[in-house]
PDB file of N, CA and C in Angstrom:
ATOM      1  N   MET A   1      17.046 -22.707  36.489  1.00  0.00           N
ATOM      2  CA  MET A   1      16.471 -23.315  37.618  1.00  0.00           C
ATOM      3  C   MET A   1      16.557 -21.681  38.444  1.00  0.00           C
ATOM      4  N   PHE A   2      15.094 -21.914  39.151  1.00  0.00           N
ATOM      5  CA  PHE A   2      14.646 -20.991  39.940  1.00  0.00           C
ATOM      6  C   PHE A   2      14.593 -21.370  41.007  1.00  0.00           C
ATOM      7  N   THR A   3      15.396 -20.628  42.026  1.00  0.00           N
ATOM      8  CA  THR A   3      14.863 -20.543  43.608  1.00  0.00           C
ATOM      9  C   THR A   3      14.137 -19.782  43.969  1.00  0.00           C
ATOM     10  N   GLU A   4      13.261 -20.493  45.075  1.00  0.00           N
ATOM     11  CA  GLU A   4      11.982 -20.249  45.972  1.00  0.00           C
ATOM     12  C   GLU A   4      12.015 -18.660  45.893  1.00  0.00           C
ATOM     13  N   ARG A   5      13.348 -18.584  46.374  1.00  0.00           N
ATOM     14  CA  ARG A   5      13.995 -17.011  46.961  1.00  0.00           C
ATOM     15  C   ARG A   5      13.536 -15.614  45.486  1.00  0.00           C
ATOM     16  N   TYR A   6      14.566 -16.810  44.553  1.00  0.00           N
ATOM     17  CA  TYR A   6      14.633 -15.613  43.385  1.00  0.00           C
ATOM     18  C   TYR A   6      13.351 -15.306  42.769  1.00  0.00           C
ATOM     19  N   ASN A   7      11.909 -16.333  43.051  1.00  0.00           N
ATOM     20  CA  ASN A   7      11.092 -16.455  42.619  1.00  0.00           C
ATOM     21  C   ASN A   7      10.546 -14.800  43.566  1.00  0.00           C
ATOM     22  N   ARG A   8      10.560 -14.822  44.275  1.00  0.00           N
ATOM     23  CA  ARG A   8       9.740 -13.917  45.143  1.00  0.00           C
ATOM     24  C   ARG A   8       9.776 -12.161  44.923  1.00  0.00           C
ATOM     25  N   ARG A   9      11.516 -12.428  44.868  1.00  0.00           N
ATOM     26  CA  ARG A   9      12.254 -11.316  44.539  1.00  0.00           C
ATOM     27  C   ARG A   9      11.362 -10.627  42.987  1.00  0.00           C
ATOM     28  N   ALA A  10      12.216 -11.936  42.397  1.00  0.00           N
ATOM     29  CA  ALA A  10      11.277 -11.150  41.099  1.00  0.00           C
ATOM     30  C   ALA A  10      10.078 -10.580  40.542  1.00  0.00           C
ATOM     31  N   ALA A  11       9.147 -11.295  41.339  1.00  0.00           N
ATOM     32  CA  ALA A  11       8.006 -11.205  41.441  1.00  0.00           C
ATOM     33  C   ALA A  11       7.572  -9.675  42.445  1.00  0.00           C
ATOM     34  N   ARG A  12       8.412  -9.225  43.105  1.00  0.00           N
ATOM     35  CA  ARG A  12       8.600  -7.778  43.778  1.00  0.00           C
ATOM     36  C   ARG A  12       8.466  -7.245  42.205  1.00  0.00           C
ATOM     37  N   PHE A  13       9.633  -7.420  42.414  1.00  0.00           N
ATOM     38  CA  PHE A  13      10.756  -6.371  40.945  1.00  0.00           C
ATOM     39  C   PHE A  13       9.632  -6.436  40.216  1.00  0.00           C
ATOM     40  N   LEU A  14       9.353  -7.300  39.647  1.00  0.00           N
ATOM     41  CA  LEU A  14       8.149  -7.127  38.370  1.00  0.00           C
ATOM     42  C   LEU A  14       6.202  -6.233  38.878  1.00  0.00           C
ATOM     43  N   HIS A  15       6.121  -6.594  39.815  1.00  0.00           N
ATOM     44  CA  HIS A  15       5.131  -6.106  40.415  1.00  0.00           C
ATOM     45  C   HIS A  15       5.454  -4.532  40.678  1.00  0.00           C
ATOM     46  N   ARG A  16       6.701  -3.848  40.643  1.00  0.00           N
ATOM     47  CA  ARG A  16       6.614  -2.774  40.862  1.00  0.00           C
ATOM     48  C   ARG A  16       7.278  -1.727  39.626  1.00  0.00           C
ATOM     49  N   HIS A  17       8.082  -3.060  39.045  1.00  0.00           N
ATOM     50  CA  HIS A  17       8.058  -2.390  37.467  1.00  0.00           C
ATOM     51  C   HIS A  17       8.011  -3.109  36.232  1.00  0.00           C
ATOM     52  N   SER A  18       6.584  -2.420  36.212  1.00  0.00           N
ATOM     53  CA  SER A  18       5.437  -3.790  35.363  1.00  0.00           C
ATOM     54  C   SER A  18       6.316  -3.572  33.762  1.00  0.00           C
ATOM     55  N   GLU A  19       6.575  -2.067  33.358  1.00  0.00           N
ATOM     56  CA  GLU A  19       7.066  -1.948  32.395  1.00  0.00           C
ATOM     57  C   GLU A  19       8.227  -2.477  31.971  1.00  0.00           C
ATOM     58  N   LEU A  20       9.239  -3.650  32.693  1.00  0.00           N
ATOM     59  CA  LEU A  20       9.628  -4.322  32.569  1.00  0.00           C
ATOM     60  C   LEU A  20       9.737  -6.274  31.948  1.00  0.00           C
ATOM     61  N   ARG A  21       8.226  -6.312  32.372  1.00  0.00           N
ATOM     62  CA  ARG A  21       8.321  -7.539  32.060  1.00  0.00           C
ATOM     63  C   ARG A  21       8.529  -8.483  30.922  1.00  0.00           C
ATOM     64  N   GLU A  22       8.400  -7.712  29.745  1.00  0.00           N
ATOM     65  CA  GLU A  22       8.675  -7.456  28.210  1.00  0.00           C
ATOM     66  C   GLU A  22      10.576  -8.233  28.397  1.00  0.00           C
ATOM     67  N   PRO A  23      11.275  -7.203  28.779  1.00  0.00           N
ATOM     68  CA  PRO A  23      12.613  -7.343  28.866  1.00  0.00           C
ATOM     69  C   PRO A  23      13.328  -8.232  29.576  1.00  0.00           C
ATOM     70  N   TYR A  24      12.725  -7.958  30.643  1.00  0.00           N
ATOM     71  CA  TYR A  24      12.953  -8.807  31.350  1.00  0.00           C
ATOM     72  C   TYR A  24      12.687 -10.881  31.173  1.00  0.00           C
ATOM     73  N   ARG A  25      11.369 -10.616  30.407  1.00  0.00           N
ATOM     74  CA  ARG A  25      11.365 -12.423  29.625  1.00  0.00           C
ATOM     75  C   ARG A  25      12.107 -12.171  28.561  1.00  0.00           C
ATOM     76  N   LYS A  26      12.631 -11.897  27.653  1.00  0.00           N
ATOM     77  CA  LYS A  26      13.422 -12.093  26.392  1.00  0.00           C
ATOM     78  C   LYS A  26      14.841 -11.781  27.109  1.00  0.00           C
ATOM     79  N   THR A  27      15.327 -11.476  28.210  1.00  0.00           N
ATOM     80  CA  THR A  27      16.894 -11.633  28.445  1.00  0.00           C
ATOM     81  C   THR A  27      16.503 -13.402  29.616  1.00  0.00           C
ATOM     82  N   LEU A  28      15.768 -13.956  30.061  1.00  0.00           N
ATOM     83  CA  LEU A  28      15.908 -15.011  30.423  1.00  0.00           C
ATOM     84  C   LEU A  28      15.735 -15.702  29.522  1.00  0.00           C
ATOM     85  N   LEU A  29      14.696 -15.243  28.427  1.00  0.00           N
ATOM     86  CA  LEU A  29      15.096 -16.558  26.947  1.00  0.00           C
ATOM     87  C   LEU A  29      16.135 -16.252  26.348  1.00  0.00           C
ATOM     88  N   LEU A  30      16.984 -15.455  26.172  1.00  0.00           N
ATOM     89  CA  LEU A  30      17.843 -15.018  25.461  1.00  0.00           C
ATOM     90  C   LEU A  30      19.575 -15.251  26.579  1.00  0.00           C
ATOM     91  N   LEU A  31      19.022 -15.818  27.690  1.00  0.00           N
ATOM     92  CA  LEU A  31      20.447 -16.340  28.756  1.00  0.00           C
ATOM     93  C   LEU A  31      19.765 -17.590  28.309  1.00  0.00           C
ATOM     94  N   GLU A  32      18.867 -18.245  28.639  1.00  0.00           N
ATOM     95  CA  GLU A  32      18.981 -19.559  28.023  1.00  0.00           C
ATOM     96  C   GLU A  32      19.854 -19.914  26.755  1.00  0.00           C
ATOM     97  N   ALA A  33      19.143 -19.356  26.176  1.00  0.00           N
ATOM     98  CA  ALA A  33      19.153 -19.949  24.914  1.00  0.00           C
ATOM     99  C   ALA A  33      21.096 -19.374  24.154  1.00  0.00           C
ATOM    100  N   ASN A  34      21.478 -18.312  24.676  1.00  0.00           N
ATOM    101  CA  ASN A  34      23.142 -18.039  24.263  1.00  0.00           C
ATOM    102  C   ASN A  34      23.791 -17.077  25.575  1.00  0.00           C
ATOM    103  N   PRO A  35      24.172 -17.658  26.499  1.00  0.00           N
ATOM    104  CA  PRO A  35      24.394 -17.168  27.659  1.00  0.00           C
ATOM    105  C   PRO A  35      25.478 -16.167  27.246  1.00  0.00           C
ATOM    106  N   ARG A  36      26.384 -16.130  26.378  1.00  0.00           N
ATOM    107  CA  ARG A  36      27.237 -16.080  26.366  1.00  0.00           C
ATOM    108  C   ARG A  36      26.706 -14.298  25.089  1.00  0.00           C
ATOM    109  N   HIS A  37      25.169 -14.480  24.962  1.00  0.00           N
ATOM    110  CA  HIS A  37      25.519 -13.304  24.138  1.00  0.00           C
ATOM    111  C   HIS A  37      25.119 -12.269  24.413  1.00  0.00           C
ATOM    112  N   PRO A  38      25.968 -10.977  23.625  1.00  0.00           N
ATOM    113  CA  PRO A  38      26.705  -9.646  23.519  1.00  0.00           C
ATOM    114  C   PRO A  38      25.625  -8.693  24.140  1.00  0.00           C
ATOM    115  N   SER A  39      24.246  -9.245  24.162  1.00  0.00           N
ATOM    116  CA  SER A  39      23.988  -7.631  24.430  1.00  0.00           C
ATOM    117  C   SER A  39      23.388  -8.445  26.227  1.00  0.00           C
ATOM    118  N   LEU A  40      23.530  -9.250  26.188  1.00  0.00           N
ATOM    119  CA  LEU A  40      22.959  -9.680  27.564  1.00  0.00           C
ATOM    120  C   LEU A  40      24.670  -9.016  28.296  1.00  0.00           C
ATOM    121  N   ARG A  41      25.734  -8.930  28.517  1.00  0.00           N
ATOM    122  CA  ARG A  41      26.662  -7.814  28.866  1.00  0.00           C
ATOM    123  C   ARG A  41      27.384  -8.554  30.090  1.00  0.00           C
ATOM    124  N   LEU A  42      26.903  -9.941  29.497  1.00  0.00           N
ATOM    125  CA  LEU A  42      27.965 -10.689  31.142  1.00  0.00           C
ATOM    126  C   LEU A  42      29.040 -10.626  31.080  1.00  0.00           C
ATOM    127  N   HIS A  43      29.290 -10.478  32.783  1.00  0.00           N
ATOM    128  CA  HIS A  43      30.422 -10.708  33.280  1.00  0.00           C
ATOM    129  C   HIS A  43      30.671 -11.173  35.064  1.00  0.00           C
ATOM    130  N   ALA A  44      31.435 -11.524  35.366  1.00  0.00           N
ATOM    131  CA  ALA A  44      31.897 -12.004  36.323  1.00  0.00           C
ATOM    132  C   ALA A  44      32.118 -11.303  37.411  1.00  0.00           C
ATOM    133  N   LEU A  45      31.548 -11.151  38.535  1.00  0.00           N
ATOM    134  CA  LEU A  45      31.917 -10.448  39.405  1.00  0.00           C
ATOM    135  C   LEU A  45      32.647 -10.438  40.436  1.00  0.00           C
ATOM    136  N   ARG A  46      33.033  -9.381  41.408  1.00  0.00           N
ATOM    137  CA  ARG A  46      34.833  -9.972  41.694  1.00  0.00           C
ATOM    138  C   ARG A  46      34.040  -9.319  43.535  1.00  0.00           C
ATOM    139  N   GLY A  47      35.420  -9.667  44.417  1.00  0.00           N
ATOM    140  CA  GLY A  47      35.426  -9.065  45.677  1.00  0.00           C
ATOM    141  C   GLY A  47      33.917  -9.442  46.780  1.00  0.00           C
ATOM    142  N   LYS A  48      33.284  -9.172  47.000  1.00  0.00           N
ATOM    143  CA  LYS A  48      32.452  -9.802  47.836  1.00  0.00           C
ATOM    144  C   LYS A  48      31.371 -10.614  46.717  1.00  0.00           C
ATOM    145  N   LEU A  49      31.114 -10.094  45.610  1.00  0.00           N
ATOM    146  CA  LEU A  49      30.414 -11.146  45.320  1.00  0.00           C
ATOM    147  C   LEU A  49      31.449 -12.217  44.480  1.00  0.00           C
ATOM    148  N   SER A  50      32.275 -12.486  44.400  1.00  0.00           N
ATOM    149  CA  SER A  50      33.235 -13.451  43.634  1.00  0.00           C
ATOM    150  C   SER A  50      32.441 -14.936  43.026  1.00  0.00           C
ATOM    151  N   GLY A  51      32.742 -15.070  42.312  1.00  0.00           N
ATOM    152  CA  GLY A  51      31.860 -16.444  41.647  1.00  0.00           C
ATOM    153  C   GLY A  51      30.329 -15.706  41.278  1.00  0.00           C
ATOM    154  N   LEU A  52      29.904 -15.055  41.078  1.00  0.00           N
ATOM    155  CA  LEU A  52      28.792 -14.849  40.375  1.00  0.00           C
ATOM    156  C   LEU A  52      28.482 -14.132  39.570  1.00  0.00           C
ATOM    157  N   HIS A  53      28.192 -14.009  38.416  1.00  0.00           N
ATOM    158  CA  HIS A  53      28.002 -13.165  37.532  1.00  0.00           C
ATOM    159  C   HIS A  53      26.976 -12.431  36.804  1.00  0.00           C
ATOM    160  N   SER A  54      27.226 -11.130  35.868  1.00  0.00           N
ATOM    161  CA  SER A  54      26.100 -10.393  36.142  1.00  0.00           C
ATOM    162  C   SER A  54      25.299 -10.061  34.383  1.00  0.00           C
ATOM    163  N   VAL A  55      23.956 -10.508  34.197  1.00  0.00           N
ATOM    164  CA  VAL A  55      23.337 -10.239  32.819  1.00  0.00           C
ATOM    165  C   VAL A  55      22.476  -8.750  33.449  1.00  0.00           C
ATOM    166  N   SER A  56      22.629  -7.935  31.947  1.00  0.00           N
ATOM    167  CA  SER A  56      21.878  -7.040  31.725  1.00  0.00           C
ATOM    168  C   SER A  56      20.297  -6.830  31.284  1.00  0.00           C
ATOM    169  N   ILE A  57      19.228  -6.443  31.514  1.00  0.00           N
ATOM    170  CA  ILE A  57      18.241  -6.285  31.563  1.00  0.00           C
ATOM    171  C   ILE A  57      17.946  -5.016  30.319  1.00  0.00           C
ATOM    172  N   ASN A  58      18.420  -4.634  30.900  1.00  0.00           N
ATOM    173  CA  ASN A  58      18.865  -3.032  29.803  1.00  0.00           C
ATOM    174  C   ASN A  58      19.819  -1.968  31.192  1.00  0.00           C
ATOM    175  N   LEU A  59      20.405  -0.981  30.338  1.00  0.00           N
ATOM    176  CA  LEU A  59      21.334  -0.416  31.149  1.00  0.00           C
ATOM    177  C   LEU A  59      20.975   0.147  32.348  1.00  0.00           C
ATOM    178  N   SER A  60      20.374  -0.287  33.281  1.00  0.00           N
ATOM    179  CA  SER A  60      19.664   0.073  34.609  1.00  0.00           C
ATOM    180  C   SER A  60      19.364  -0.658  35.086  1.00  0.00           C
ATOM    181  N   TRP A  61      19.371  -1.807  34.471  1.00  0.00           N
ATOM    182  CA  TRP A  61      18.815  -3.091  35.955  1.00  0.00           C
ATOM    183  C   TRP A  61      19.161  -4.345  35.413  1.00  0.00           C
ATOM    184  N   ARG A  62      19.666  -5.382  36.583  1.00  0.00           N
ATOM    185  CA  ARG A  62      20.368  -6.421  35.814  1.00  0.00           C
ATOM    186  C   ARG A  62      20.482  -7.740  36.722  1.00  0.00           C
ATOM    187  N   ILE A  63      20.073  -8.703  36.771  1.00  0.00           N
ATOM    188  CA  ILE A  63      20.641  -9.986  36.878  1.00  0.00           C
ATOM    189  C   ILE A  63      21.813 -10.257  37.097  1.00  0.00           C
ATOM    190  N   THR A  64      22.114 -10.553  39.165  1.00  0.00           N
ATOM    191  CA  THR A  64      23.316 -11.626  39.457  1.00  0.00           C
ATOM    192  C   THR A  64      23.000 -13.519  39.410  1.00  0.00           C
ATOM    193  N   LEU A  65      23.683 -14.378  39.169  1.00  0.00           N
ATOM    194  CA  LEU A  65      23.811 -14.817  39.021  1.00  0.00           C
ATOM    195  C   LEU A  65      24.504 -15.822  39.217  1.00  0.00           C
ATOM    196  N   GLU A  66      24.764 -17.458  39.350  1.00  0.00           N
ATOM    197  CA  GLU A  66      24.940 -18.119  39.475  1.00  0.00           C
ATOM    198  C   GLU A  66      25.174 -18.477  38.181  1.00  0.00           C
ATOM    199  N   LEU A  67      26.283 -18.828  37.523  1.00  0.00           N
ATOM    200  CA  LEU A  67      26.722 -19.178  36.540  1.00  0.00           C
ATOM    201  C   LEU A  67      27.626 -20.476  35.978  1.00  0.00           C
ATOM    202  N   LEU A  68      26.597 -21.764  36.329  1.00  0.00           N
ATOM    203  CA  LEU A  68      27.771 -23.310  36.147  1.00  0.00           C
ATOM    204  C   LEU A  68      27.469 -24.163  34.704  1.00  0.00           C
ATOM    205  N   ILE A  69      28.246 -22.962  33.781  1.00  0.00           N
ATOM    206  CA  ILE A  69      28.171 -23.260  32.370  1.00  0.00           C
ATOM    207  C   ILE A  69      28.483 -25.201  32.236  1.00  0.00           C
ATOM    208  N   ASP A  70      29.278 -25.811  33.211  1.00  0.00           N
ATOM    209  CA  ASP A  70      29.681 -27.192  33.073  1.00  0.00           C
ATOM    210  C   ASP A  70      28.360 -28.121  33.155  1.00  0.00           C
ATOM    211  N   GLY A  71      27.616 -27.966  33.217  1.00  0.00           N
ATOM    212  CA  GLY A  71      26.210 -28.739  34.255  1.00  0.00           C
ATOM    213  C   GLY A  71      25.137 -28.152  33.071  1.00  0.00           C
ATOM    214  N   GLN A  72      25.885 -27.218  32.456  1.00  0.00           N
ATOM    215  CA  GLN A  72      24.487 -26.557  31.402  1.00  0.00           C
ATOM    216  C   GLN A  72      23.608 -25.529  32.660  1.00  0.00           C
ATOM    217  N   ASN A  73      23.599 -26.058  34.243  1.00  0.00           N
ATOM    218  CA  ASN A  73      22.819 -24.608  34.397  1.00  0.00           C
ATOM    219  C   ASN A  73      23.067 -22.934  35.267  1.00  0.00           C
ATOM    220  N   ILE A  74      22.023 -22.651  34.899  1.00  0.00           N
ATOM    221  CA  ILE A  74      22.053 -21.473  35.238  1.00  0.00           C
ATOM    222  C   ILE A  74      21.322 -20.516  36.637  1.00  0.00           C
ATOM    223  N   ILE A  75      21.828 -19.740  37.384  1.00  0.00           N
ATOM    224  CA  ILE A  75      20.890 -19.707  38.481  1.00  0.00           C
ATOM    225  C   ILE A  75      21.085 -18.756  39.162  1.00  0.00           C
ATOM    226  N   PRO A  76      19.629 -17.935  38.540  1.00  0.00           N
ATOM    227  CA  PRO A  76      19.741 -16.505  38.949  1.00  0.00           C
ATOM    228  C   PRO A  76      19.745 -16.140  40.350  1.00  0.00           C
ATOM    229  N   ILE A  77      20.453 -15.105  41.238  1.00  0.00           N
ATOM    230  CA  ILE A  77      20.699 -15.136  42.784  1.00  0.00           C
ATOM    231  C   ILE A  77      19.090 -13.592  43.017  1.00  0.00           C
ATOM    232  N   ASP A  78      19.488 -12.658  41.839  1.00  0.00           N
ATOM    233  CA  ASP A  78      19.289 -11.076  42.550  1.00  0.00           C
ATOM    234  C   ASP A  78      18.583 -10.645  41.172  1.00  0.00           C
ATOM    235  N   ILE A  79      17.897  -9.467  41.567  1.00  0.00           N
ATOM    236  CA  ILE A  79      17.947  -8.454  40.062  1.00  0.00           C
ATOM    237  C   ILE A  79      17.058  -7.318  41.161  1.00  0.00           C
ATOM    238  N   GLY A  80      17.287  -6.310  40.161  1.00  0.00           N
ATOM    239  CA  GLY A  80      17.539  -4.915  40.816  1.00  0.00           C
ATOM    240  C   GLY A  80      18.426  -4.629  40.404  1.00  0.00           C
ATOM    241  N   SER A  81      18.038  -2.467  40.262  1.00  0.00           N
ATOM    242  CA  SER A  81      19.255  -2.074  39.308  1.00  0.00           C
ATOM    243  C   SER A  81      20.388  -2.328  39.339  1.00  0.00           C
ATOM    244  N   HIS A  82      21.549  -1.613  39.035  1.00  0.00           N
ATOM    245  CA  HIS A  82      23.237  -1.834  39.450  1.00  0.00           C
ATOM    246  C   HIS A  82      23.278  -1.572  40.630  1.00  0.00           C
ATOM    247  N   ASP A  83      23.160  -0.783  41.093  1.00  0.00           N
ATOM    248  CA  ASP A  83      23.585  -0.654  42.729  1.00  0.00           C
ATOM    249  C   ASP A  83      22.591  -1.533  43.760  1.00  0.00           C
ATOM    250  N   THR A  84      21.578  -1.177  43.759  1.00  0.00           N
ATOM    251  CA  THR A  84      20.807  -2.906  44.420  1.00  0.00           C
ATOM    252  C   THR A  84      21.561  -4.355  44.210  1.00  0.00           C
ATOM    253  N   VAL A  85      22.158  -4.642  42.756  1.00  0.00           N
ATOM    254  CA  VAL A  85      22.195  -5.603  42.713  1.00  0.00           C
ATOM    255  C   VAL A  85      23.521  -6.239  43.687  1.00  0.00           C
ATOM    256  N   TYR A  86      24.417  -4.795  42.914  1.00  0.00           N
ATOM    257  CA  TYR A  86      26.130  -4.993  43.273  1.00  0.00           C
ATOM    258  C   TYR A  86      26.552  -4.952  45.055  1.00  0.00           C
ATOM    259  N   ARG A  87      25.295  -4.614  45.518  1.00  0.00           N
ATOM    260  CA  ARG A  87      25.813  -4.265  47.939  1.00  0.00           C
ATOM    261  C   ARG A  87      26.079  -5.450  47.982  1.00  0.00           C
ATOM    262  N   PRO A  88      27.443  -5.338  47.881  1.00  0.00           N
ATOM    263  CA  PRO A  88      27.698  -6.258  49.411  1.00  0.00           C
ATOM    264  C   PRO A  88      26.782  -6.859  50.155  1.00  0.00           C
TER     265      PRO A  88
END
């Protein structure tokens, strides 16, 4: 499930970083198939971002998301560099 806000952020991100289109696509497909796959490096966030999770596109880029496994829903929140998505 993608929010309109996330879709706008992802479109801007992919426009600026076109080289990440394929890794981003693969990350989303893997997230849908198996959110706990080790290569995603899924982890819960703490502090002001408590309640959210993060997955890796690669070592430098992340997607933060709300992970509602009970309902099988994964809602992306933000996309960007490690420092960008982890800022409060």
